[in-house]
Amino acid sequence: MKKLILALLISMSVQAWSQDTLVLGFGEYLGYVKKYHPVVKQANLSIDMAQANVMKARGGFDPKVEVDYSRKEFKGSEYYDLLNATFKIPTWYGIELKANFEQNEGEFVNPERFVPDDGLYSAGVSFSLGKGFLMNERMATLKKAKFFREQTAAEREIIVNEILYEASLAYFKWLRAYNEVKVFDDILGNALQRLNGVKRSAEAGDRATIDTVEAKISYQDRSLSLEQARVKFMKRSLELSNFLWLQDNIPLELQADVVPSDDIETEIDITLNVTGQPLNAFSLETHPKLRSIDRKIDGLKIDRRLKGNRLLPVVDLNYNFVTATPELTSSFNTAEYKGGLRFVMPLFLRKERGEYKLSSLKVTDAEYARTSTELSLRNKITALFNELESFEVQNTLIADIVSNYEQMLRAEERKFTLGESSIFLVNTREQKLIESRLKQLEIQNKFLDTKARLFNTLVLPAENI
């Protein structure tokens, strides 16, 4: 059943490799990781959470309706019946627009609460001229929420890039293990053919019987290596399965008849888009890590402005026109009003000055971290470009070495057929060829890993996946 599910999943890009195998391409594999892996889904949730925080912060500027009503009756007397209804509109710079209706009745109402029988209407404004004017809690919370949303978006790119990088390494290990199986499978066929030939020669009396023992040992050694390679390939297949999921968070197990692509170097260039561009084509200004730090610094600067604003005295003013006939515009005049002033000033401001200094130090610390991160990224990217250039040379050299060892083996086998060589020399030549092929696979794996590390370091957008 799982084999059928996986076959359906990869039917868009999987090609027939042989009658019994299916090819899982690198690009399509990463496509499923990006779409269905739980960590990627979790990273997407962080964007929604950041957006919810922005909405929450904007709630500080929502208009409000407040109704305060209280009444007291005791032993047949109405002590008081108080109604105060207010509509408030908070604005950006600590200014609050307000409309109010007040109606107070009763035998024991405080004289300052006396209003006309039909109630008293007022409309006005309250604002701060000192602390809370240029920066206040509502403004700071909303600005920091917006910066946090942008920071979260950058961190989401980093998380998705990291899981794609880890998935790429798993694919490369799986590819290397698969190619090692093919190397030993090919060699085993040659060893078996050689063993049969030596047996026939020994039976005909053309070769010593001991040669069959040496040929058999060689065949058994190749069989052992092949079995070990198969076990390693199975292990790498299970590791690769850790990154394969279905839409409903159901993990998949990679089947034995699924194999990697044999054109990986072309696929990785198209999928990760890390080659074909010079070093100076990549700009660090838009790098997600630096963008994340920049948004963090912006948030700390807002916090510093808020702490600096607290060094100012509290100077709160409010002014309201009052009237008993709000339907008449002319009834609002400056001679009838309700206003107030509130002034608060700490004498030493030690708490406020300490908080401001701490916030300034946090900004400086974050700026140092950004400078260090930028330099580290720049040097790491340069080193990776140099590594890629070196691996291109190494791939050319190891390909020539493998070709030369193949020629040496064929020449030794011809000499062995003519009776001018020994099974020992043939096995030695073959062992050198095996070592060179395994070395070639190792270099290829390191080359692919370096490309993936460059993709991970640059945190390139996964647009081609």
Protein backbone atom coordinates (compact mmCIF):
# COMPACT_ATOMS: atom_id res chain seq x y z
CA MET A 1 0.00 0.00 0.00
CA LYS A 2 2.80 2.42 0.92
CA LYS A 3 4.55 1.59 -2.34
CA LEU A 4 1.41 2.52 -4.24
CA ILE A 5 1.00 5.78 -2.31
CA LEU A 6 4.59 6.82 -2.97
CA ALA A 7 4.27 5.93 -6.64
CA LEU A 8 1.21 8.16 -6.89
CA LEU A 9 2.95 10.99 -5.06
CA ILE A 10 5.91 11.12 -7.37
CA SER A 11 4.13 10.22 -10.60
CA MET A 12 4.56 13.75 -12.00
CA SER A 13 8.34 13.64 -12.12
CA VAL A 14 9.35 10.04 -11.59
CA GLN A 15 10.67 8.33 -14.68
CA ALA A 16 11.08 4.67 -15.37
CA TRP A 17 14.68 3.67 -14.61
CA SER A 18 14.15 0.07 -15.50
CA GLN A 19 11.29 -2.37 -15.34
CA ASP A 20 11.67 -2.72 -11.57
CA THR A 21 12.79 0.71 -10.38
CA LEU A 22 11.51 4.27 -10.21
CA VAL A 23 13.64 7.42 -10.19
CA LEU A 24 12.93 10.02 -7.51
CA GLY A 25 14.30 13.31 -8.85
CA PHE A 26 16.05 15.76 -6.55
CA GLY A 27 13.81 18.71 -7.44
CA GLU A 28 10.58 16.80 -6.97
CA TYR A 29 11.84 15.32 -3.71
CA LEU A 30 12.57 18.79 -2.28
CA GLY A 31 9.18 19.92 -3.59
CA TYR A 32 7.43 17.39 -1.37
CA VAL A 33 9.62 18.32 1.58
CA LYS A 34 8.77 21.99 1.17
CA LYS A 35 5.06 21.30 0.79
CA TYR A 36 4.37 18.63 3.39
CA HIS A 37 7.13 18.57 6.01
CA PRO A 38 5.75 19.42 9.50
CA VAL A 39 8.61 21.82 10.28
CA VAL A 40 7.78 23.86 7.17
CA LYS A 41 4.12 23.96 8.18
CA GLN A 42 5.16 25.04 11.66
CA ALA A 43 7.24 27.86 10.20
CA ASN A 44 4.22 29.02 8.21
CA LEU A 45 2.21 29.18 11.43
CA SER A 46 4.68 31.68 12.85
CA ILE A 47 3.70 34.14 10.09
CA ASP A 48 0.05 33.85 11.09
CA MET A 49 0.99 34.37 14.74
CA ALA A 50 2.97 37.50 13.90
CA GLN A 51 0.04 38.86 11.89
CA ALA A 52 -2.25 38.17 14.86
CA ASN A 53 0.13 40.15 17.09
CA VAL A 54 -0.15 43.12 14.71
CA MET A 55 -3.93 42.90 14.86
CA LYS A 56 -3.74 42.75 18.66
CA ALA A 57 -1.50 45.85 18.76
CA ARG A 58 -3.86 47.76 16.45
CA GLY A 59 -6.57 47.07 18.98
CA GLY A 60 -5.00 49.75 21.16
CA PHE A 61 -6.37 52.33 18.69
CA ASP A 62 -9.87 50.88 18.48
CA PRO A 63 -12.73 53.28 19.38
CA LYS A 64 -14.37 52.49 22.71
CA VAL A 65 -17.80 52.94 24.22
CA GLU A 66 -17.88 53.15 28.02
CA VAL A 67 -21.05 53.23 30.11
CA ASP A 68 -20.86 53.76 33.86
CA TYR A 69 -24.20 53.51 35.65
CA SER A 70 -24.86 53.33 39.38
CA ARG A 71 -27.99 53.78 41.52
CA LYS A 72 -28.78 53.65 45.23
CA GLU A 73 -32.14 53.53 47.00
CA PHE A 74 -32.53 53.10 50.74
CA LYS A 75 -35.63 53.37 52.98
CA GLY A 76 -37.69 54.93 50.21
CA SER A 77 -35.09 57.54 49.33
CA GLU A 78 -33.26 57.72 46.03
CA TYR A 79 -29.76 58.53 47.12
CA TYR A 80 -28.41 58.80 43.59
CA ASP A 81 -28.93 57.70 40.02
CA LEU A 82 -25.77 58.29 38.03
CA LEU A 83 -25.21 57.68 34.31
CA ASN A 84 -22.01 58.47 32.44
CA ALA A 85 -21.65 57.31 28.81
CA THR A 86 -18.47 58.02 26.83
CA PHE A 87 -17.31 57.39 23.27
CA LYS A 88 -13.51 57.58 22.82
CA ILE A 89 -11.32 57.53 19.70
CA PRO A 90 -7.58 57.05 20.44
CA THR A 91 -5.26 58.54 17.81
CA TRP A 92 -1.57 58.20 17.03
CA TYR A 93 0.27 60.92 18.97
CA GLY A 94 -1.32 60.39 22.37
CA ILE A 95 -4.38 62.42 21.39
CA GLU A 96 -7.79 61.07 22.34
CA LEU A 97 -11.07 62.42 20.98
CA LYS A 98 -14.01 62.03 23.31
CA ALA A 99 -17.80 62.56 23.38
CA ASN A 100 -19.69 62.25 26.66
CA PHE A 101 -23.23 62.19 28.04
CA GLU A 102 -23.80 62.64 31.77
CA GLN A 103 -27.07 62.48 33.70
CA ASN A 104 -27.16 62.57 37.51
CA GLU A 105 -30.19 62.56 39.82
CA GLY A 106 -30.88 61.91 43.50
CA GLU A 107 -31.21 63.49 46.91
CA PHE A 108 -27.60 63.09 47.89
CA VAL A 109 -25.76 63.77 44.66
CA ASN A 110 -22.53 65.66 45.09
CA PRO A 111 -23.08 69.28 44.01
CA GLU A 112 -20.30 69.06 41.44
CA ARG A 113 -22.33 66.40 39.67
CA PHE A 114 -25.40 68.61 39.19
CA VAL A 115 -26.46 68.68 35.53
CA PRO A 116 -29.64 69.70 33.69
CA ASP A 117 -32.59 67.30 33.97
CA ASP A 118 -32.14 66.16 30.38
CA GLY A 119 -28.44 65.56 30.98
CA LEU A 120 -25.25 67.27 29.92
CA TYR A 121 -23.37 66.64 26.69
CA SER A 122 -19.70 67.30 26.13
CA ALA A 123 -17.18 66.85 23.32
CA GLY A 124 -13.49 67.44 23.51
CA VAL A 125 -9.95 66.18 23.42
CA SER A 126 -7.28 64.98 25.84
CA PHE A 127 -3.59 64.82 25.06
CA SER A 128 -0.11 64.73 26.52
CA LEU A 129 2.46 67.44 25.98
CA GLY A 130 5.28 65.65 27.73
CA LYS A 131 5.55 61.96 28.46
CA GLY A 132 3.50 59.97 25.95
CA PHE A 133 3.33 62.61 23.22
CA LEU A 134 5.97 61.62 20.62
CA MET A 135 6.04 57.99 21.82
CA ASN A 136 3.69 56.01 24.02
CA GLU A 137 2.90 52.39 24.81
CA ARG A 138 0.26 52.02 22.10
CA MET A 139 2.53 53.45 19.40
CA ALA A 140 5.52 51.37 20.55
CA THR A 141 3.52 48.13 20.73
CA LEU A 142 2.14 48.52 17.20
CA LYS A 143 5.49 49.48 15.66
CA LYS A 144 7.29 46.61 17.38
CA ALA A 145 4.56 44.18 16.27
CA LYS A 146 5.09 45.25 12.64
CA PHE A 147 8.86 44.84 12.94
CA PHE A 148 8.34 41.45 14.59
CA ARG A 149 6.13 40.38 11.68
CA GLU A 150 8.89 41.24 9.21
CA GLN A 151 11.47 39.57 11.45
CA THR A 152 9.31 36.44 11.62
CA ALA A 153 9.00 36.37 7.83
CA ALA A 154 12.81 36.44 7.53
CA GLU A 155 13.21 33.75 10.18
CA ARG A 156 10.62 31.63 8.40
CA GLU A 157 12.81 31.74 5.27
CA ILE A 158 15.77 30.59 7.36
CA ILE A 159 13.81 27.69 8.89
CA VAL A 160 12.48 26.49 5.53
CA ASN A 161 15.93 26.83 3.98
CA GLU A 162 17.46 24.83 6.84
CA ILE A 163 15.05 21.91 6.46
CA LEU A 164 15.61 21.89 2.68
CA TYR A 165 19.37 21.89 3.30
CA GLU A 166 19.13 18.92 5.69
CA ALA A 167 16.87 17.11 3.23
CA SER A 168 19.41 17.76 0.45
CA LEU A 169 22.23 16.23 2.50
CA ALA A 170 20.09 13.15 3.13
CA TYR A 171 19.45 12.82 -0.62
CA PHE A 172 23.16 13.13 -1.43
CA LYS A 173 24.03 10.42 1.12
CA TRP A 174 21.32 8.22 -0.38
CA LEU A 175 22.73 8.86 -3.88
CA ARG A 176 26.26 8.02 -2.79
CA ALA A 177 25.16 4.78 -1.13
CA TYR A 178 23.21 3.81 -4.26
CA ASN A 179 26.22 4.46 -6.52
CA GLU A 180 28.44 2.42 -4.21
CA VAL A 181 26.04 -0.49 -4.63
CA LYS A 182 26.34 -0.14 -8.41
CA VAL A 183 30.15 -0.05 -8.19
CA PHE A 184 30.35 -3.28 -6.20
CA ASP A 185 27.60 -4.90 -8.28
CA ASP A 186 29.59 -4.25 -11.47
CA ILE A 187 32.82 -5.44 -9.90
CA LEU A 188 31.12 -8.56 -8.55
CA GLY A 189 30.04 -9.52 -12.07
CA ASN A 190 33.63 -9.22 -13.28
CA ALA A 191 34.89 -11.24 -10.30
CA LEU A 192 32.38 -14.03 -10.99
CA GLN A 193 33.30 -14.13 -14.69
CA ARG A 194 36.97 -14.27 -13.76
CA LEU A 195 36.38 -17.05 -11.22
CA ASN A 196 34.56 -19.17 -13.78
CA GLY A 197 37.32 -18.61 -16.32
CA VAL A 198 40.04 -19.59 -13.86
CA LYS A 199 38.11 -22.72 -12.90
CA ARG A 200 37.86 -23.80 -16.54
CA SER A 201 41.58 -23.10 -17.08
CA ALA A 202 42.48 -25.05 -13.94
CA GLU A 203 40.31 -27.99 -15.02
CA ALA A 204 42.05 -27.93 -18.41
CA GLY A 205 45.41 -27.88 -16.67
CA ASP A 206 46.40 -24.45 -17.98
CA ARG A 207 46.49 -22.86 -14.53
CA ALA A 208 47.37 -23.88 -11.03
CA THR A 209 44.49 -24.94 -8.80
CA ILE A 210 45.58 -22.36 -6.20
CA ASP A 211 44.55 -19.64 -8.66
CA THR A 212 40.93 -20.74 -8.26
CA VAL A 213 41.24 -20.24 -4.51
CA GLU A 214 42.54 -16.71 -4.97
CA ALA A 215 39.84 -15.92 -7.53
CA LYS A 216 37.22 -17.32 -5.18
CA ILE A 217 38.53 -15.18 -2.30
CA SER A 218 38.33 -12.14 -4.55
CA TYR A 219 34.74 -13.01 -5.49
CA GLN A 220 33.77 -13.53 -1.84
CA ASP A 221 35.40 -10.25 -0.84
CA ARG A 222 33.46 -8.41 -3.56
CA SER A 223 30.25 -10.14 -2.43
CA LEU A 224 30.86 -9.02 1.14
CA SER A 225 31.49 -5.44 0.03
CA LEU A 226 28.29 -5.50 -2.06
CA GLU A 227 26.24 -6.75 0.87
CA GLN A 228 27.67 -4.04 3.13
CA ALA A 229 26.90 -1.43 0.48
CA ARG A 230 23.30 -2.67 0.25
CA VAL A 231 22.86 -2.41 4.01
CA LYS A 232 24.25 1.12 3.90
CA PHE A 233 21.87 1.99 1.05
CA MET A 234 18.90 0.69 3.06
CA LYS A 235 19.99 2.80 6.01
CA ARG A 236 20.28 5.93 3.85
CA SER A 237 16.85 5.18 2.36
CA LEU A 238 15.31 5.17 5.84
CA GLU A 239 17.07 8.43 6.68
CA LEU A 240 15.66 9.94 3.49
CA SER A 241 12.18 8.76 4.47
CA ASN A 242 12.34 11.07 7.50
CA PHE A 243 11.72 13.98 5.13
CA LEU A 244 8.86 12.43 3.15
CA TRP A 245 5.33 13.11 4.41
CA LEU A 246 1.79 13.05 3.15
CA GLN A 247 -0.61 15.98 3.34
CA ASP A 248 -2.25 14.75 6.55
CA ASN A 249 1.04 14.52 8.46
CA ILE A 250 1.41 10.82 7.62
CA PRO A 251 5.06 9.75 7.27
CA LEU A 252 6.14 7.76 4.22
CA GLU A 253 8.65 4.95 3.99
CA LEU A 254 10.79 4.90 0.85
CA GLN A 255 10.46 1.62 -0.99
CA ALA A 256 13.39 -0.48 -2.20
CA ASP A 257 12.51 -0.01 -5.87
CA VAL A 258 12.91 3.79 -5.73
CA VAL A 259 16.35 5.08 -6.75
CA PRO A 260 17.95 8.54 -7.06
CA SER A 261 18.47 10.48 -10.25
CA ASP A 262 21.67 9.84 -12.21
CA ASP A 263 21.71 13.45 -13.49
CA ILE A 264 22.01 15.04 -10.06
CA GLU A 265 24.52 17.76 -10.96
CA THR A 266 22.17 19.27 -13.56
CA GLU A 267 19.17 18.94 -11.24
CA ILE A 268 20.86 20.58 -8.27
CA ASP A 269 21.90 23.59 -10.35
CA ILE A 270 18.34 24.09 -11.58
CA THR A 271 16.71 23.39 -8.22
CA LEU A 272 18.96 25.36 -5.87
CA ASN A 273 20.09 27.99 -8.40
CA VAL A 274 23.51 28.41 -6.81
CA THR A 275 25.75 28.25 -9.88
CA GLY A 276 26.17 30.29 -13.00
CA GLN A 277 26.40 33.60 -11.11
CA PRO A 278 29.59 35.37 -9.99
CA LEU A 279 30.29 36.06 -6.35
CA ASN A 280 29.50 39.77 -6.65
CA ALA A 281 26.02 38.95 -7.98
CA PHE A 282 24.84 38.02 -4.48
CA SER A 283 23.91 40.91 -2.19
CA LEU A 284 23.85 40.53 1.58
CA GLU A 285 21.56 43.51 2.04
CA THR A 286 18.51 41.32 1.56
CA HIS A 287 19.89 38.31 3.43
CA PRO A 288 17.20 36.95 5.80
CA LYS A 289 19.60 36.73 8.76
CA LEU A 290 20.59 40.37 8.40
CA ARG A 291 16.98 41.39 7.77
CA SER A 292 15.99 39.60 10.95
CA ILE A 293 18.69 41.39 12.93
CA ASP A 294 17.74 44.73 11.34
CA ARG A 295 14.11 44.31 12.40
CA LYS A 296 15.28 43.35 15.89
CA ILE A 297 17.39 46.53 16.02
CA ASP A 298 14.40 48.58 14.83
CA GLY A 299 12.33 47.13 17.66
CA LEU A 300 15.04 47.92 20.19
CA LYS A 301 15.26 51.48 18.89
CA ILE A 302 11.51 51.90 19.37
CA ASP A 303 11.93 50.62 22.91
CA ARG A 304 14.77 53.11 23.43
CA ARG A 305 12.59 55.98 22.18
CA LEU A 306 9.86 54.90 24.56
CA LYS A 307 12.30 54.81 27.49
CA GLY A 308 13.68 58.22 26.44
CA ASN A 309 10.15 59.65 26.34
CA ARG A 310 9.70 58.59 29.96
CA LEU A 311 12.39 61.09 30.95
CA LEU A 312 9.87 63.83 30.19
CA PRO A 313 7.39 65.02 32.83
CA VAL A 314 3.75 63.99 32.67
CA VAL A 315 1.76 66.93 31.29
CA ASP A 316 -1.77 65.75 30.50
CA LEU A 317 -4.35 68.25 29.28
CA ASN A 318 -8.03 67.81 28.52
CA TYR A 319 -10.63 70.26 27.25
CA ASN A 320 -14.31 69.60 26.59
CA PHE A 321 -17.13 71.77 25.34
CA VAL A 322 -20.32 71.22 27.36
CA THR A 323 -23.93 71.84 26.42
CA ALA A 324 -27.42 70.71 27.34
CA THR A 325 -28.63 71.18 23.75
CA PRO A 326 -26.22 69.39 21.44
CA GLU A 327 -28.63 69.66 18.52
CA LEU A 328 -27.83 73.39 18.39
CA THR A 329 -24.32 73.92 17.06
CA SER A 330 -24.24 77.45 18.47
CA SER A 331 -24.64 76.05 21.97
CA PHE A 332 -20.98 74.97 21.97
CA ASN A 333 -18.83 77.92 23.02
CA THR A 334 -15.59 78.43 24.85
CA ALA A 335 -17.28 80.01 27.83
CA GLU A 336 -18.86 76.71 28.85
CA TYR A 337 -16.31 73.99 29.22
CA LYS A 338 -14.78 71.31 31.40
CA GLY A 339 -11.00 70.97 31.46
CA GLY A 340 -8.05 69.87 33.49
CA LEU A 341 -4.29 69.66 33.82
CA ARG A 342 -2.13 66.93 35.38
CA PHE A 343 1.59 67.36 36.02
CA VAL A 344 3.97 64.70 37.40
CA MET A 345 7.77 64.97 37.54
CA PRO A 346 10.11 62.59 39.45
CA LEU A 347 12.91 64.54 41.12
CA PHE A 348 15.89 62.31 40.25
CA LEU A 349 14.68 60.15 37.32
CA ARG A 350 17.11 57.43 38.32
CA LYS A 351 14.80 54.60 37.24
CA GLU A 352 14.01 56.27 33.90
CA ARG A 353 17.65 57.13 33.19
CA GLY A 354 18.73 53.58 34.04
CA GLU A 355 16.12 52.06 31.71
CA TYR A 356 17.11 54.40 28.89
CA LYS A 357 20.80 53.52 29.28
CA LEU A 358 20.03 49.80 29.27
CA SER A 359 17.93 50.13 26.12
CA SER A 360 20.75 52.08 24.43
CA LEU A 361 23.25 49.36 25.31
CA LYS A 362 20.94 46.70 23.85
CA VAL A 363 20.81 48.61 20.56
CA THR A 364 24.62 48.89 20.48
CA ASP A 365 24.99 45.19 21.28
CA ALA A 366 22.61 44.23 18.45
CA GLU A 367 24.48 46.49 16.00
CA TYR A 368 27.77 44.81 16.91
CA ALA A 369 26.12 41.41 16.35
CA ARG A 370 24.91 42.52 12.92
CA THR A 371 28.37 43.70 11.87
CA SER A 372 29.90 40.43 13.01
CA THR A 373 27.22 38.35 11.28
CA GLU A 374 27.61 40.22 8.00
CA LEU A 375 31.39 39.74 7.98
CA SER A 376 31.03 36.06 8.88
CA LEU A 377 28.51 35.50 6.08
CA ARG A 378 30.65 37.33 3.53
CA ASN A 379 33.75 35.28 4.38
CA LYS A 380 31.82 32.02 4.46
CA ILE A 381 30.27 32.65 1.04
CA THR A 382 33.66 33.52 -0.44
CA ALA A 383 35.14 30.32 1.00
CA LEU A 384 32.31 28.23 -0.45
CA PHE A 385 32.80 29.73 -3.91
CA ASN A 386 36.48 28.84 -3.69
CA GLU A 387 35.60 25.31 -2.59
CA LEU A 388 33.29 24.86 -5.56
CA GLU A 389 36.02 25.95 -7.95
CA SER A 390 38.41 23.48 -6.33
CA PHE A 391 35.90 20.62 -6.51
CA GLU A 392 35.39 21.24 -10.21
CA VAL A 393 39.13 20.67 -10.70
CA GLN A 394 39.05 17.63 -8.40
CA ASN A 395 36.13 16.10 -10.32
CA THR A 396 38.08 16.40 -13.57
CA LEU A 397 41.20 14.88 -12.04
CA ILE A 398 39.42 11.95 -10.37
CA ALA A 399 37.53 11.20 -13.61
CA ASP A 400 40.88 10.91 -15.43
CA ILE A 401 42.26 8.74 -12.62
CA VAL A 402 39.30 6.37 -12.82
CA SER A 403 39.64 6.17 -16.60
CA ASN A 404 43.35 5.38 -16.32
CA TYR A 405 42.74 2.66 -13.71
CA GLU A 406 40.11 1.12 -16.00
CA GLN A 407 42.67 1.00 -18.81
CA MET A 408 45.24 -0.56 -16.48
CA LEU A 409 42.74 -3.21 -15.38
CA ARG A 410 41.75 -4.08 -18.95
CA ALA A 411 45.40 -4.33 -19.94
CA GLU A 412 46.17 -6.56 -16.95
CA GLU A 413 43.19 -8.78 -17.78
CA ARG A 414 44.46 -9.19 -21.37
CA LYS A 415 47.90 -10.11 -20.08
CA PHE A 416 46.26 -12.55 -17.65
CA THR A 417 44.33 -14.14 -20.54
CA LEU A 418 47.59 -14.56 -22.47
CA GLY A 419 49.25 -16.08 -19.41
CA GLU A 420 51.61 -13.15 -18.90
CA SER A 421 50.11 -12.00 -15.58
CA SER A 422 48.69 -13.42 -12.35
CA ILE A 423 45.33 -13.33 -10.63
CA PHE A 424 47.03 -11.41 -7.83
CA LEU A 425 47.99 -8.53 -10.14
CA VAL A 426 44.50 -8.48 -11.68
CA ASN A 427 42.93 -8.27 -8.23
CA THR A 428 45.36 -5.53 -7.26
CA ARG A 429 44.49 -3.49 -10.34
CA GLU A 430 40.80 -4.05 -9.69
CA GLN A 431 41.12 -3.00 -6.04
CA LYS A 432 42.78 0.24 -7.11
CA LEU A 433 39.91 0.84 -9.54
CA ILE A 434 37.38 0.25 -6.76
CA GLU A 435 39.20 2.69 -4.49
CA SER A 436 39.33 5.34 -7.20
CA ARG A 437 35.61 4.95 -7.97
CA LEU A 438 34.72 5.24 -4.28
CA LYS A 439 36.98 8.29 -4.08
CA GLN A 440 35.15 9.74 -7.07
CA LEU A 441 31.81 9.23 -5.30
CA GLU A 442 33.20 10.83 -2.15
CA ILE A 443 34.38 13.92 -4.06
CA GLN A 444 31.05 14.14 -5.87
CA ASN A 445 29.25 13.95 -2.53
CA LYS A 446 31.40 16.73 -1.07
CA PHE A 447 30.86 18.80 -4.21
CA LEU A 448 27.07 18.45 -3.89
CA ASP A 449 27.24 19.15 -0.15
CA THR A 450 29.15 22.36 -0.85
CA LYS A 451 26.50 23.53 -3.29
CA ALA A 452 23.84 22.80 -0.69
CA ARG A 453 25.87 24.67 1.96
CA LEU A 454 26.10 27.66 -0.37
CA PHE A 455 22.31 27.51 -0.82
CA ASN A 456 21.96 27.31 2.97
CA THR A 457 24.41 30.14 3.66
CA LEU A 458 22.86 32.48 1.12
CA VAL A 459 19.34 31.44 2.28
CA LEU A 460 18.19 31.68 -1.31
CA PRO A 461 14.42 31.68 -1.93
CA ALA A 462 13.20 28.22 -2.86
CA GLU A 463 11.38 29.45 -5.97
CA ASN A 464 12.46 26.59 -8.22
CA ILE A 465 11.37 23.92 -5.75
